[in-house]
């Protein structure tokens, strides 16, 4: 059996176990691109510790993305562990055309699709080509409205009601700040398709949030 396959459960599962702990401790990616490239090169050569360090740097952000997409932390953590096992087994094929995080995110999103496509999973919302076509105007709102925890909760709930394809686009591009190219690569689609999903997702999100702003006007 391939040595990398033998190492995979120990290396990737150790890293996967750190996803939740890193997220709860507020771990963020503060590495330089040069340092990351060195770790990627070592991981591609079979260095399990280098792979673990890469995952530790991106663990919190990756789990945050998956929780927002799946709307279920346990499902997100399961998908993250499966994704890390797959990533470790395939890291030697990583060519560096995208960032390591983008590559890892694409693998993880594919794993969430497998999880959410199971017969016992909750059905996805169907895409509606007409969604967001008629968007009521919000009007001007007091600046302090945008600073409330209530608004943040409303945004999270509105994101959860979006069709999956729209939600993924909005989360990657607007919430996590990936570029259009990076978001498209993470989802495995063309940039034109990403832009279309993003536009419809933003419009749908705006329609969902209109209820919040209308309620705020009445206070």
N, C-alpha and C. Protein backbone atom coordinates (compact mmCIF):
# COMPACT_ATOMS: atom_id res chain seq x y z
N UNK A 1 0.84 -1.20 0.00
CA UNK A 1 0.00 0.00 0.00
C UNK A 1 0.87 1.24 0.00
N UNK A 2 0.42 2.30 -0.69
CA UNK A 2 1.18 3.54 -0.77
C UNK A 2 1.40 4.15 0.61
N UNK A 3 2.63 4.63 0.85
CA UNK A 3 2.97 5.19 2.16
C UNK A 3 2.07 6.36 2.51
N UNK A 4 1.69 7.17 1.50
CA UNK A 4 0.83 8.32 1.76
C UNK A 4 -0.54 7.86 2.23
N UNK A 5 -1.05 6.76 1.64
CA UNK A 5 -2.33 6.22 2.07
C UNK A 5 -2.25 5.71 3.49
N UNK A 6 -1.11 5.07 3.84
CA UNK A 6 -0.93 4.59 5.21
C UNK A 6 -0.93 5.75 6.21
N UNK A 7 -0.31 6.88 5.81
CA UNK A 7 -0.19 8.02 6.71
C UNK A 7 -1.47 8.82 6.80
N UNK A 8 -2.34 8.68 5.80
CA UNK A 8 -3.50 9.57 5.70
C UNK A 8 -4.37 9.62 6.95
N UNK A 9 -4.78 8.47 7.52
CA UNK A 9 -5.62 8.56 8.71
C UNK A 9 -4.97 9.32 9.85
N UNK A 10 -3.67 9.08 10.07
CA UNK A 10 -2.98 9.75 11.18
C UNK A 10 -2.78 11.23 10.91
N UNK A 11 -2.29 11.57 9.74
CA UNK A 11 -1.98 12.97 9.42
C UNK A 11 -3.23 13.80 9.25
N UNK A 12 -4.15 13.33 8.41
CA UNK A 12 -5.33 14.13 8.11
C UNK A 12 -6.33 14.14 9.25
N UNK A 13 -6.50 13.02 9.92
CA UNK A 13 -7.46 13.00 11.02
C UNK A 13 -6.96 13.82 12.19
N UNK A 14 -5.66 13.84 12.40
CA UNK A 14 -5.11 14.70 13.44
C UNK A 14 -5.41 16.15 13.10
N UNK A 15 -5.24 16.51 11.83
CA UNK A 15 -5.54 17.86 11.39
C UNK A 15 -7.03 18.14 11.48
N UNK A 16 -7.85 17.17 11.08
CA UNK A 16 -9.30 17.35 11.12
C UNK A 16 -9.78 17.55 12.54
N UNK A 17 -9.15 16.84 13.47
CA UNK A 17 -9.52 17.03 14.86
C UNK A 17 -9.23 18.43 15.34
N UNK A 18 -8.27 19.08 14.68
CA UNK A 18 -7.94 20.45 15.05
C UNK A 18 -8.81 21.49 14.42
N UNK A 19 -9.69 21.08 13.48
CA UNK A 19 -10.56 22.05 12.83
C UNK A 19 -11.45 22.73 13.86
N UNK A 20 -12.14 21.94 14.68
CA UNK A 20 -13.05 22.52 15.65
C UNK A 20 -12.31 23.31 16.71
N UNK A 21 -11.20 22.76 17.22
CA UNK A 21 -10.46 23.45 18.27
C UNK A 21 -9.84 24.73 17.75
N UNK A 22 -9.35 24.72 16.52
CA UNK A 22 -8.77 25.93 15.94
C UNK A 22 -9.84 26.99 15.73
N UNK A 23 -11.02 26.54 15.31
CA UNK A 23 -12.10 27.49 15.09
C UNK A 23 -12.53 28.13 16.39
N UNK A 24 -12.62 27.32 17.45
CA UNK A 24 -13.08 27.87 18.72
C UNK A 24 -12.05 28.79 19.34
N UNK A 25 -10.78 28.59 18.99
CA UNK A 25 -9.73 29.44 19.56
C UNK A 25 -9.46 30.67 18.72
N UNK A 26 -10.21 30.77 17.57
CA UNK A 26 -10.07 31.96 16.75
C UNK A 26 -8.84 31.95 15.88
N UNK A 27 -8.32 30.75 15.53
CA UNK A 27 -7.14 30.65 14.68
C UNK A 27 -7.40 31.29 13.33
N UNK A 28 -6.43 32.06 12.83
CA UNK A 28 -6.56 32.70 11.53
C UNK A 28 -5.28 32.48 10.75
N UNK A 29 -5.35 32.77 9.46
CA UNK A 29 -4.19 32.58 8.61
C UNK A 29 -3.38 33.86 8.57
N UNK A 30 -2.27 33.87 9.28
CA UNK A 30 -1.42 35.06 9.29
C UNK A 30 -0.09 34.79 8.63
N UNK A 31 -0.02 33.77 7.79
CA UNK A 31 1.25 33.37 7.19
C UNK A 31 1.57 34.18 5.97
N UNK A 32 2.86 34.24 5.63
CA UNK A 32 3.27 34.87 4.39
C UNK A 32 3.11 33.89 3.26
N UNK A 33 2.97 34.40 2.01
CA UNK A 33 2.79 33.53 0.87
C UNK A 33 4.03 32.67 0.65
N UNK A 34 5.22 33.24 0.90
CA UNK A 34 6.44 32.47 0.72
C UNK A 34 6.53 31.30 1.68
N UNK A 35 6.17 31.54 2.94
CA UNK A 35 6.19 30.49 3.94
C UNK A 35 5.17 29.40 3.58
N UNK A 36 4.01 29.82 3.11
CA UNK A 36 2.98 28.86 2.74
C UNK A 36 3.44 28.01 1.55
N UNK A 37 4.08 28.63 0.59
CA UNK A 37 4.58 27.89 -0.57
C UNK A 37 5.59 26.82 -0.15
N UNK A 38 6.40 27.15 0.84
CA UNK A 38 7.39 26.18 1.34
C UNK A 38 6.68 25.00 2.00
N UNK A 39 5.64 25.27 2.77
CA UNK A 39 4.87 24.21 3.41
C UNK A 39 4.16 23.35 2.38
N UNK A 40 3.60 23.99 1.36
CA UNK A 40 2.92 23.25 0.30
C UNK A 40 3.90 22.31 -0.40
N UNK A 41 5.09 22.84 -0.71
CA UNK A 41 6.11 22.02 -1.38
C UNK A 41 6.48 20.81 -0.51
N UNK A 42 6.62 21.04 0.79
CA UNK A 42 6.97 19.94 1.70
C UNK A 42 5.83 18.93 1.78
N UNK A 43 4.60 19.42 1.85
CA UNK A 43 3.44 18.53 1.92
C UNK A 43 3.33 17.69 0.66
N UNK A 44 3.58 18.31 -0.49
CA UNK A 44 3.52 17.58 -1.75
C UNK A 44 4.57 16.47 -1.80
N UNK A 45 5.67 16.68 -1.08
CA UNK A 45 6.74 15.68 -1.04
C UNK A 45 6.47 14.60 0.00
N UNK A 46 5.34 14.71 0.71
CA UNK A 46 4.97 13.68 1.67
C UNK A 46 5.19 14.03 3.12
N UNK A 47 5.48 15.30 3.43
CA UNK A 47 5.73 15.73 4.81
C UNK A 47 4.38 15.93 5.51
N UNK A 48 4.00 14.99 6.37
CA UNK A 48 2.72 15.05 7.05
C UNK A 48 2.62 16.24 7.99
N UNK A 49 3.72 16.60 8.64
CA UNK A 49 3.71 17.72 9.58
C UNK A 49 3.47 19.03 8.83
N UNK A 50 4.04 19.17 7.65
CA UNK A 50 3.81 20.38 6.86
C UNK A 50 2.34 20.49 6.49
N UNK A 51 1.73 19.36 6.13
CA UNK A 51 0.31 19.36 5.80
C UNK A 51 -0.53 19.77 7.01
N UNK A 52 -0.17 19.24 8.18
CA UNK A 52 -0.89 19.59 9.40
C UNK A 52 -0.80 21.08 9.68
N UNK A 53 0.35 21.66 9.46
CA UNK A 53 0.53 23.10 9.70
C UNK A 53 -0.31 23.92 8.73
N UNK A 54 -0.40 23.46 7.50
CA UNK A 54 -1.24 24.16 6.52
C UNK A 54 -2.71 24.13 6.97
N UNK A 55 -3.15 22.96 7.40
CA UNK A 55 -4.54 22.82 7.82
C UNK A 55 -4.81 23.66 9.07
N UNK A 56 -3.86 23.68 10.00
CA UNK A 56 -4.03 24.48 11.21
C UNK A 56 -4.23 25.96 10.87
N UNK A 57 -3.54 26.43 9.84
CA UNK A 57 -3.65 27.83 9.45
C UNK A 57 -5.02 28.17 8.87
N UNK A 58 -5.62 27.19 8.20
CA UNK A 58 -6.87 27.46 7.47
C UNK A 58 -8.09 26.82 8.13
N UNK A 59 -7.89 26.13 9.25
CA UNK A 59 -8.96 25.33 9.84
C UNK A 59 -10.19 26.16 10.20
N UNK A 60 -9.99 27.25 10.91
CA UNK A 60 -11.13 28.04 11.38
C UNK A 60 -11.94 28.59 10.22
N UNK A 61 -11.25 29.11 9.23
CA UNK A 61 -11.94 29.70 8.08
C UNK A 61 -12.68 28.62 7.29
N UNK A 62 -12.05 27.47 7.10
CA UNK A 62 -12.69 26.39 6.36
C UNK A 62 -13.96 25.92 7.05
N UNK A 63 -13.88 25.71 8.36
CA UNK A 63 -15.06 25.24 9.09
C UNK A 63 -16.17 26.28 9.06
N UNK A 64 -15.80 27.55 9.15
CA UNK A 64 -16.79 28.62 9.10
C UNK A 64 -17.56 28.59 7.78
N UNK A 65 -16.83 28.39 6.69
CA UNK A 65 -17.47 28.30 5.37
C UNK A 65 -18.43 27.12 5.31
N UNK A 66 -17.97 25.96 5.80
CA UNK A 66 -18.80 24.76 5.71
C UNK A 66 -20.02 24.83 6.61
N UNK A 67 -19.88 25.43 7.77
CA UNK A 67 -21.05 25.57 8.66
C UNK A 67 -22.09 26.46 8.00
N UNK A 68 -21.64 27.53 7.37
CA UNK A 68 -22.59 28.43 6.71
C UNK A 68 -23.26 27.78 5.51
N UNK A 69 -22.53 26.91 4.83
CA UNK A 69 -23.11 26.24 3.66
C UNK A 69 -24.07 25.14 4.08
N UNK A 70 -23.67 24.31 5.05
CA UNK A 70 -24.50 23.17 5.45
C UNK A 70 -25.58 23.54 6.45
N UNK A 71 -25.36 24.63 7.20
CA UNK A 71 -26.28 25.06 8.27
C UNK A 71 -26.33 24.04 9.40
N UNK A 72 -25.29 23.23 9.53
CA UNK A 72 -25.25 22.22 10.58
C UNK A 72 -23.79 21.95 10.92
N UNK A 73 -23.40 22.21 12.18
CA UNK A 73 -21.99 22.09 12.54
C UNK A 73 -21.48 20.66 12.46
N UNK A 74 -22.30 19.70 12.89
CA UNK A 74 -21.84 18.31 12.85
C UNK A 74 -21.60 17.87 11.40
N UNK A 75 -22.50 18.23 10.51
CA UNK A 75 -22.33 17.90 9.10
C UNK A 75 -21.08 18.57 8.55
N UNK A 76 -20.85 19.82 8.95
CA UNK A 76 -19.68 20.56 8.47
C UNK A 76 -18.39 19.91 8.96
N UNK A 77 -18.36 19.49 10.22
CA UNK A 77 -17.15 18.87 10.76
C UNK A 77 -16.88 17.51 10.09
N UNK A 78 -17.94 16.75 9.82
CA UNK A 78 -17.77 15.47 9.12
C UNK A 78 -17.21 15.70 7.71
N UNK A 79 -17.77 16.71 7.03
CA UNK A 79 -17.31 17.01 5.68
C UNK A 79 -15.86 17.50 5.71
N UNK A 80 -15.50 18.27 6.73
CA UNK A 80 -14.14 18.77 6.84
C UNK A 80 -13.15 17.62 7.02
N UNK A 81 -13.49 16.66 7.88
CA UNK A 81 -12.58 15.53 8.09
C UNK A 81 -12.42 14.72 6.82
N UNK A 82 -13.53 14.44 6.12
CA UNK A 82 -13.44 13.69 4.87
C UNK A 82 -12.62 14.46 3.83
N UNK A 83 -12.80 15.78 3.81
CA UNK A 83 -12.07 16.61 2.85
C UNK A 83 -10.57 16.59 3.13
N UNK A 84 -10.20 16.63 4.41
CA UNK A 84 -8.78 16.63 4.76
C UNK A 84 -8.12 15.30 4.42
N UNK A 85 -8.83 14.21 4.61
CA UNK A 85 -8.29 12.91 4.20
C UNK A 85 -8.07 12.89 2.69
N UNK A 86 -9.04 13.39 1.95
CA UNK A 86 -8.92 13.41 0.49
C UNK A 86 -7.81 14.36 0.06
N UNK A 87 -7.72 15.50 0.74
CA UNK A 87 -6.69 16.48 0.37
C UNK A 87 -5.29 15.92 0.61
N UNK A 88 -5.10 15.24 1.74
CA UNK A 88 -3.78 14.67 2.04
C UNK A 88 -3.39 13.63 0.99
N UNK A 89 -4.35 12.81 0.58
CA UNK A 89 -4.06 11.77 -0.40
C UNK A 89 -3.78 12.36 -1.79
N UNK A 90 -4.24 13.58 -2.02
CA UNK A 90 -4.10 14.16 -3.36
C UNK A 90 -3.23 15.41 -3.40
N UNK A 91 -2.59 15.77 -2.27
CA UNK A 91 -1.83 17.01 -2.23
C UNK A 91 -0.64 16.98 -3.19
N UNK A 92 -0.13 15.80 -3.51
CA UNK A 92 0.99 15.72 -4.45
C UNK A 92 0.57 16.18 -5.84
N UNK A 93 -0.74 16.19 -6.12
CA UNK A 93 -1.24 16.62 -7.42
C UNK A 93 -1.54 18.11 -7.46
N UNK A 94 -1.48 18.76 -6.32
CA UNK A 94 -1.77 20.20 -6.27
C UNK A 94 -0.70 20.95 -7.03
N UNK A 95 -1.13 21.71 -8.05
CA UNK A 95 -0.20 22.38 -8.94
C UNK A 95 0.08 23.83 -8.56
N UNK A 96 -0.67 24.36 -7.62
CA UNK A 96 -0.43 25.74 -7.19
C UNK A 96 -1.03 26.80 -8.09
N UNK A 97 -1.94 26.40 -8.99
CA UNK A 97 -2.59 27.40 -9.85
C UNK A 97 -3.54 28.29 -9.06
N UNK A 98 -4.02 27.79 -7.94
CA UNK A 98 -4.84 28.57 -7.02
C UNK A 98 -4.17 28.54 -5.66
N UNK A 99 -4.70 29.28 -4.70
CA UNK A 99 -4.14 29.22 -3.35
C UNK A 99 -4.49 27.87 -2.72
N UNK A 100 -3.74 27.48 -1.69
CA UNK A 100 -4.02 26.22 -1.01
C UNK A 100 -5.42 26.25 -0.40
N UNK A 101 -5.81 27.39 0.16
CA UNK A 101 -7.13 27.48 0.77
C UNK A 101 -8.23 27.28 -0.27
N UNK A 102 -8.07 27.89 -1.45
CA UNK A 102 -9.07 27.72 -2.51
C UNK A 102 -9.18 26.25 -2.91
N UNK A 103 -8.03 25.60 -3.07
CA UNK A 103 -8.01 24.19 -3.44
C UNK A 103 -8.66 23.33 -2.36
N UNK A 104 -8.32 23.59 -1.11
CA UNK A 104 -8.89 22.84 0.01
C UNK A 104 -10.39 23.08 0.12
N UNK A 105 -10.81 24.32 -0.11
CA UNK A 105 -12.23 24.65 -0.03
C UNK A 105 -13.03 23.92 -1.10
N UNK A 106 -12.47 23.83 -2.30
CA UNK A 106 -13.19 23.11 -3.36
C UNK A 106 -13.40 21.65 -2.97
N UNK A 107 -12.37 21.01 -2.43
CA UNK A 107 -12.50 19.62 -1.98
C UNK A 107 -13.56 19.52 -0.89
N UNK A 108 -13.52 20.46 0.06
CA UNK A 108 -14.47 20.43 1.17
C UNK A 108 -15.90 20.65 0.70
N UNK A 109 -16.10 21.56 -0.22
CA UNK A 109 -17.45 21.80 -0.74
C UNK A 109 -17.97 20.57 -1.47
N UNK A 110 -17.10 19.91 -2.22
CA UNK A 110 -17.51 18.66 -2.88
C UNK A 110 -17.94 17.62 -1.85
N UNK A 111 -17.24 17.58 -0.72
CA UNK A 111 -17.61 16.63 0.33
C UNK A 111 -18.95 17.00 0.96
N UNK A 112 -19.22 18.29 1.11
CA UNK A 112 -20.53 18.68 1.66
C UNK A 112 -21.64 18.28 0.70
N UNK A 113 -21.37 18.36 -0.60
CA UNK A 113 -22.39 17.93 -1.57
C UNK A 113 -22.68 16.45 -1.42
N UNK A 114 -21.64 15.66 -1.23
CA UNK A 114 -21.85 14.22 -1.05
C UNK A 114 -22.68 13.96 0.21
N UNK A 115 -22.35 14.70 1.26
CA UNK A 115 -23.08 14.53 2.52
C UNK A 115 -24.53 14.96 2.38
N UNK A 116 -24.74 16.10 1.73
CA UNK A 116 -26.10 16.65 1.61
C UNK A 116 -26.93 15.92 0.56
N UNK A 117 -26.27 15.13 -0.29
CA UNK A 117 -27.00 14.36 -1.30
C UNK A 117 -27.45 12.99 -0.79
N UNK A 118 -27.07 12.66 0.44
CA UNK A 118 -27.51 11.38 0.99
C UNK A 118 -29.03 11.35 1.10
N UNK A 119 -29.65 10.17 1.00
CA UNK A 119 -31.11 10.07 1.07
C UNK A 119 -31.70 10.64 2.35
N UNK A 120 -30.93 10.57 3.47
CA UNK A 120 -31.46 11.05 4.74
C UNK A 120 -31.18 12.53 4.99
N UNK A 121 -30.53 13.17 4.03
CA UNK A 121 -30.21 14.60 4.20
C UNK A 121 -31.44 15.44 3.86
N UNK A 122 -31.46 16.64 4.44
CA UNK A 122 -32.56 17.55 4.14
C UNK A 122 -32.48 17.97 2.68
N UNK A 123 -33.62 18.04 1.97
CA UNK A 123 -33.59 18.41 0.55
C UNK A 123 -33.13 19.84 0.36
N UNK A 124 -32.43 20.07 -0.76
CA UNK A 124 -32.01 21.42 -1.09
C UNK A 124 -33.21 22.23 -1.57
N UNK A 125 -33.11 23.52 -1.38
CA UNK A 125 -34.11 24.40 -1.97
C UNK A 125 -33.91 24.43 -3.48
N UNK A 126 -34.99 24.41 -4.21
CA UNK A 126 -34.89 24.44 -5.67
C UNK A 126 -34.51 25.84 -6.13
N UNK A 127 -33.71 25.90 -7.21
CA UNK A 127 -33.37 27.18 -7.79
C UNK A 127 -34.60 27.77 -8.46
N UNK A 128 -34.80 29.02 -8.30
CA UNK A 128 -35.93 29.71 -8.90
C UNK A 128 -35.39 30.83 -9.77
N UNK A 129 -35.55 30.69 -11.08
CA UNK A 129 -34.99 31.68 -12.00
C UNK A 129 -35.58 33.06 -11.78
N UNK A 130 -36.74 33.12 -11.16
CA UNK A 130 -37.38 34.42 -10.97
C UNK A 130 -37.04 35.04 -9.63
N UNK A 131 -36.25 34.32 -8.81
CA UNK A 131 -35.98 34.82 -7.46
C UNK A 131 -35.21 36.13 -7.51
N UNK A 132 -35.63 37.07 -6.73
CA UNK A 132 -34.92 38.33 -6.64
C UNK A 132 -35.19 39.28 -7.79
N UNK A 133 -36.09 38.92 -8.71
CA UNK A 133 -36.32 39.81 -9.84
C UNK A 133 -37.05 41.08 -9.41
N UNK A 134 -37.91 40.96 -8.42
CA UNK A 134 -38.64 42.13 -7.93
C UNK A 134 -38.17 42.41 -6.50
N UNK A 135 -37.32 43.37 -6.36
CA UNK A 135 -36.71 43.67 -5.08
C UNK A 135 -37.22 45.02 -4.58
N UNK A 136 -37.89 45.04 -3.43
CA UNK A 136 -38.36 46.32 -2.90
C UNK A 136 -37.19 47.18 -2.44
N UNK A 137 -37.35 48.50 -2.53
CA UNK A 137 -36.29 49.42 -2.11
C UNK A 137 -36.21 49.44 -0.59
N UNK A 138 -34.98 49.45 -0.06
CA UNK A 138 -34.80 49.51 1.39
C UNK A 138 -34.98 50.92 1.92
N UNK A 139 -34.65 51.89 1.14
CA UNK A 139 -34.66 53.24 1.65
C UNK A 139 -33.44 53.47 2.51
N UNK A 140 -33.27 54.66 3.05
CA UNK A 140 -32.10 54.94 3.89
C UNK A 140 -32.39 54.51 5.31
N UNK A 141 -31.42 53.80 5.89
CA UNK A 141 -31.57 53.30 7.25
C UNK A 141 -30.54 53.96 8.16
N UNK A 142 -30.85 54.14 9.42
CA UNK A 142 -29.86 54.68 10.36
C UNK A 142 -28.62 53.81 10.37
N UNK A 143 -27.45 54.43 10.44
CA UNK A 143 -26.19 53.69 10.39
C UNK A 143 -26.09 52.68 11.52
N UNK A 144 -26.69 53.02 12.67
CA UNK A 144 -26.54 52.11 13.80
C UNK A 144 -27.26 50.79 13.58
N UNK A 145 -28.22 50.74 12.67
CA UNK A 145 -28.92 49.50 12.40
C UNK A 145 -27.94 48.43 11.92
N UNK A 146 -26.95 48.87 11.13
CA UNK A 146 -26.01 47.93 10.55
C UNK A 146 -25.00 47.42 11.57
N UNK A 147 -24.95 48.00 12.73
CA UNK A 147 -23.96 47.63 13.72
C UNK A 147 -24.52 46.70 14.79
N UNK A 148 -25.79 46.32 14.65
CA UNK A 148 -26.42 45.54 15.69
C UNK A 148 -26.21 44.05 15.50
N UNK A 149 -26.20 43.35 16.60
CA UNK A 149 -26.12 41.89 16.55
C UNK A 149 -27.36 41.34 15.88
N UNK A 150 -28.45 42.05 16.03
CA UNK A 150 -29.70 41.61 15.43
C UNK A 150 -29.59 41.53 13.91
N UNK A 151 -28.90 42.48 13.33
CA UNK A 151 -28.71 42.46 11.88
C UNK A 151 -27.84 41.28 11.47
N UNK A 152 -26.76 41.05 12.22
CA UNK A 152 -25.89 39.92 11.90
C UNK A 152 -26.66 38.60 11.95
N UNK A 153 -27.52 38.47 12.95
CA UNK A 153 -28.35 37.26 13.04
C UNK A 153 -29.30 37.17 11.86
N UNK A 154 -29.86 38.32 11.46
CA UNK A 154 -30.78 38.34 10.33
C UNK A 154 -30.08 37.93 9.04
N UNK A 155 -28.83 38.38 8.88
CA UNK A 155 -28.06 38.01 7.69
C UNK A 155 -27.80 36.51 7.66
N UNK A 156 -27.40 35.95 8.81
CA UNK A 156 -27.14 34.52 8.88
C UNK A 156 -28.39 33.72 8.54
N UNK A 157 -29.52 34.14 9.07
CA UNK A 157 -30.77 33.43 8.80
C UNK A 157 -31.17 33.57 7.34
N UNK A 158 -30.97 34.75 6.78
CA UNK A 158 -31.29 34.97 5.37
C UNK A 158 -30.40 34.13 4.47
N UNK A 159 -29.11 34.03 4.81
CA UNK A 159 -28.19 33.18 4.04
C UNK A 159 -28.68 31.73 4.05
N UNK A 160 -29.16 31.29 5.20
CA UNK A 160 -29.62 29.91 5.32
C UNK A 160 -30.83 29.60 4.48
N UNK A 161 -31.59 30.63 4.12
CA UNK A 161 -32.78 30.41 3.30
C UNK A 161 -32.50 30.47 1.80
N UNK A 162 -31.29 30.86 1.44
CA UNK A 162 -30.96 30.92 0.01
C UNK A 162 -30.77 29.52 -0.56
N UNK A 163 -31.10 29.31 -1.84
CA UNK A 163 -30.75 28.05 -2.50
C UNK A 163 -29.25 27.81 -2.38
N UNK A 164 -28.85 26.56 -2.28
CA UNK A 164 -27.46 26.21 -1.99
C UNK A 164 -26.48 26.87 -2.94
N UNK A 165 -26.75 26.83 -4.25
CA UNK A 165 -25.81 27.37 -5.22
C UNK A 165 -25.61 28.87 -5.03
N UNK A 166 -26.68 29.58 -4.67
CA UNK A 166 -26.55 31.02 -4.42
C UNK A 166 -25.83 31.28 -3.11
N UNK A 167 -26.16 30.47 -2.10
CA UNK A 167 -25.55 30.65 -0.78
C UNK A 167 -24.04 30.47 -0.85
N UNK A 168 -23.60 29.44 -1.56
CA UNK A 168 -22.17 29.20 -1.68
C UNK A 168 -21.46 30.39 -2.32
N UNK A 169 -22.04 30.92 -3.39
CA UNK A 169 -21.41 32.04 -4.09
C UNK A 169 -21.31 33.26 -3.20
N UNK A 170 -22.38 33.58 -2.49
CA UNK A 170 -22.39 34.76 -1.62
C UNK A 170 -21.41 34.59 -0.46
N UNK A 171 -21.37 33.40 0.13
CA UNK A 171 -20.47 33.16 1.26
C UNK A 171 -19.01 33.31 0.84
N UNK A 172 -18.64 32.67 -0.26
CA UNK A 172 -17.24 32.71 -0.68
C UNK A 172 -16.82 34.10 -1.12
N UNK A 173 -17.67 34.76 -1.92
CA UNK A 173 -17.27 36.05 -2.50
C UNK A 173 -17.47 37.21 -1.53
N UNK A 174 -18.63 37.28 -0.88
CA UNK A 174 -18.96 38.45 -0.07
C UNK A 174 -18.62 38.29 1.41
N UNK A 175 -18.81 37.09 1.94
CA UNK A 175 -18.56 36.88 3.37
C UNK A 175 -17.08 36.59 3.62
N UNK A 176 -16.50 35.67 2.86
CA UNK A 176 -15.11 35.29 3.07
C UNK A 176 -14.12 36.13 2.28
N UNK A 177 -14.61 36.89 1.30
CA UNK A 177 -13.74 37.82 0.59
C UNK A 177 -12.85 37.22 -0.47
N UNK A 178 -13.17 36.02 -0.95
CA UNK A 178 -12.40 35.46 -2.05
C UNK A 178 -12.68 36.27 -3.32
N UNK A 179 -11.73 36.28 -4.23
CA UNK A 179 -11.94 36.97 -5.50
C UNK A 179 -12.94 36.18 -6.34
N UNK A 180 -13.41 36.81 -7.40
CA UNK A 180 -14.33 36.12 -8.30
C UNK A 180 -13.68 34.85 -8.86
N UNK A 181 -12.41 34.96 -9.26
CA UNK A 181 -11.70 33.80 -9.81
C UNK A 181 -11.56 32.70 -8.76
N UNK A 182 -11.16 33.07 -7.54
CA UNK A 182 -10.98 32.09 -6.48
C UNK A 182 -12.31 31.42 -6.12
N UNK A 183 -13.38 32.21 -6.05
CA UNK A 183 -14.69 31.65 -5.73
C UNK A 183 -15.13 30.66 -6.80
N UNK A 184 -14.92 31.02 -8.06
CA UNK A 184 -15.30 30.13 -9.16
C UNK A 184 -14.49 28.84 -9.10
N UNK A 185 -13.19 28.96 -8.81
CA UNK A 185 -12.34 27.76 -8.72
C UNK A 185 -12.77 26.86 -7.56
N UNK A 186 -13.12 27.47 -6.43
CA UNK A 186 -13.54 26.69 -5.27
C UNK A 186 -14.83 25.92 -5.55
N UNK A 187 -15.69 26.48 -6.39
CA UNK A 187 -16.95 25.84 -6.72
C UNK A 187 -16.87 24.99 -7.98
N UNK A 188 -15.74 25.09 -8.69
CA UNK A 188 -15.57 24.29 -9.90
C UNK A 188 -16.45 24.75 -11.05
N UNK A 189 -16.67 26.07 -11.15
CA UNK A 189 -17.50 26.62 -12.23
C UNK A 189 -16.74 27.73 -12.94
N UNK A 190 -17.25 28.14 -14.10
CA UNK A 190 -16.67 29.25 -14.83
C UNK A 190 -17.00 30.56 -14.11
N UNK A 191 -16.17 31.57 -14.33
CA UNK A 191 -16.41 32.86 -13.68
C UNK A 191 -17.76 33.44 -14.05
N UNK A 192 -18.18 33.26 -15.30
CA UNK A 192 -19.48 33.78 -15.73
C UNK A 192 -20.61 33.15 -14.92
N UNK A 193 -20.51 31.85 -14.67
CA UNK A 193 -21.53 31.17 -13.88
C UNK A 193 -21.51 31.66 -12.44
N UNK A 194 -20.31 31.87 -11.90
CA UNK A 194 -20.19 32.38 -10.53
C UNK A 194 -20.84 33.76 -10.43
N UNK A 195 -20.57 34.62 -11.39
CA UNK A 195 -21.14 35.97 -11.37
C UNK A 195 -22.66 35.93 -11.44
N UNK A 196 -23.19 35.02 -12.23
CA UNK A 196 -24.64 34.89 -12.33
C UNK A 196 -25.24 34.43 -11.00
N UNK A 197 -24.63 33.42 -10.39
CA UNK A 197 -25.12 32.93 -9.10
C UNK A 197 -24.99 34.01 -8.04
N UNK A 198 -23.87 34.74 -8.07
CA UNK A 198 -23.63 35.77 -7.08
C UNK A 198 -24.67 36.88 -7.20
N UNK A 199 -24.96 37.29 -8.44
CA UNK A 199 -25.96 38.34 -8.65
C UNK A 199 -27.32 37.90 -8.13
N UNK A 200 -27.73 36.71 -8.49
CA UNK A 200 -29.04 36.22 -8.05
C UNK A 200 -29.06 36.01 -6.54
N UNK A 201 -27.93 35.55 -6.00
CA UNK A 201 -27.86 35.36 -4.56
C UNK A 201 -27.96 36.66 -3.80
N UNK A 202 -27.27 37.69 -4.29
CA UNK A 202 -27.34 39.00 -3.64
C UNK A 202 -28.75 39.57 -3.70
N UNK A 203 -29.38 39.42 -4.84
CA UNK A 203 -30.73 39.93 -4.99
C UNK A 203 -31.70 39.19 -4.08
N UNK A 204 -31.56 37.86 -4.02
CA UNK A 204 -32.41 37.07 -3.15
C UNK A 204 -32.17 37.42 -1.68
N UNK A 205 -30.90 37.61 -1.31
CA UNK A 205 -30.56 37.97 0.06
C UNK A 205 -31.17 39.32 0.41
N UNK A 206 -31.10 40.24 -0.54
CA UNK A 206 -31.68 41.56 -0.30
C UNK A 206 -33.18 41.46 -0.06
N UNK A 207 -33.84 40.60 -0.83
CA UNK A 207 -35.27 40.45 -0.65
C UNK A 207 -35.58 39.84 0.72
N UNK A 208 -34.76 38.86 1.15
CA UNK A 208 -34.96 38.26 2.46
C UNK A 208 -34.77 39.29 3.57
N UNK A 209 -33.77 40.15 3.41
CA UNK A 209 -33.45 41.13 4.46
C UNK A 209 -34.41 42.31 4.45
N UNK A 210 -35.17 42.45 3.39
CA UNK A 210 -36.12 43.56 3.33
C UNK A 210 -37.08 43.52 4.51
N UNK A 211 -37.44 42.32 4.95
CA UNK A 211 -38.34 42.19 6.10
C UNK A 211 -37.72 42.80 7.35
N UNK A 212 -36.41 42.58 7.51
CA UNK A 212 -35.72 43.12 8.68
C UNK A 212 -35.73 44.65 8.65
N UNK A 213 -35.41 45.23 7.47
CA UNK A 213 -35.34 46.68 7.38
C UNK A 213 -36.71 47.34 7.51
N UNK A 214 -37.71 46.69 6.99
CA UNK A 214 -39.07 47.24 7.14
C UNK A 214 -39.47 47.25 8.61
N UNK A 215 -39.11 46.18 9.31
CA UNK A 215 -39.42 46.12 10.73
C UNK A 215 -38.64 47.20 11.49
N UNK A 216 -37.39 47.45 11.08
CA UNK A 216 -36.56 48.46 11.73
C UNK A 216 -37.16 49.86 11.54
N UNK A 217 -37.76 50.09 10.39
CA UNK A 217 -38.36 51.40 10.13
C UNK A 217 -39.54 51.68 11.04
N UNK A 218 -40.21 50.63 11.49
CA UNK A 218 -41.42 50.78 12.30
C UNK A 218 -41.10 50.93 13.78
N UNK A 219 -39.82 50.84 14.15
CA UNK A 219 -39.49 50.92 15.58
C UNK A 219 -39.42 52.37 16.04
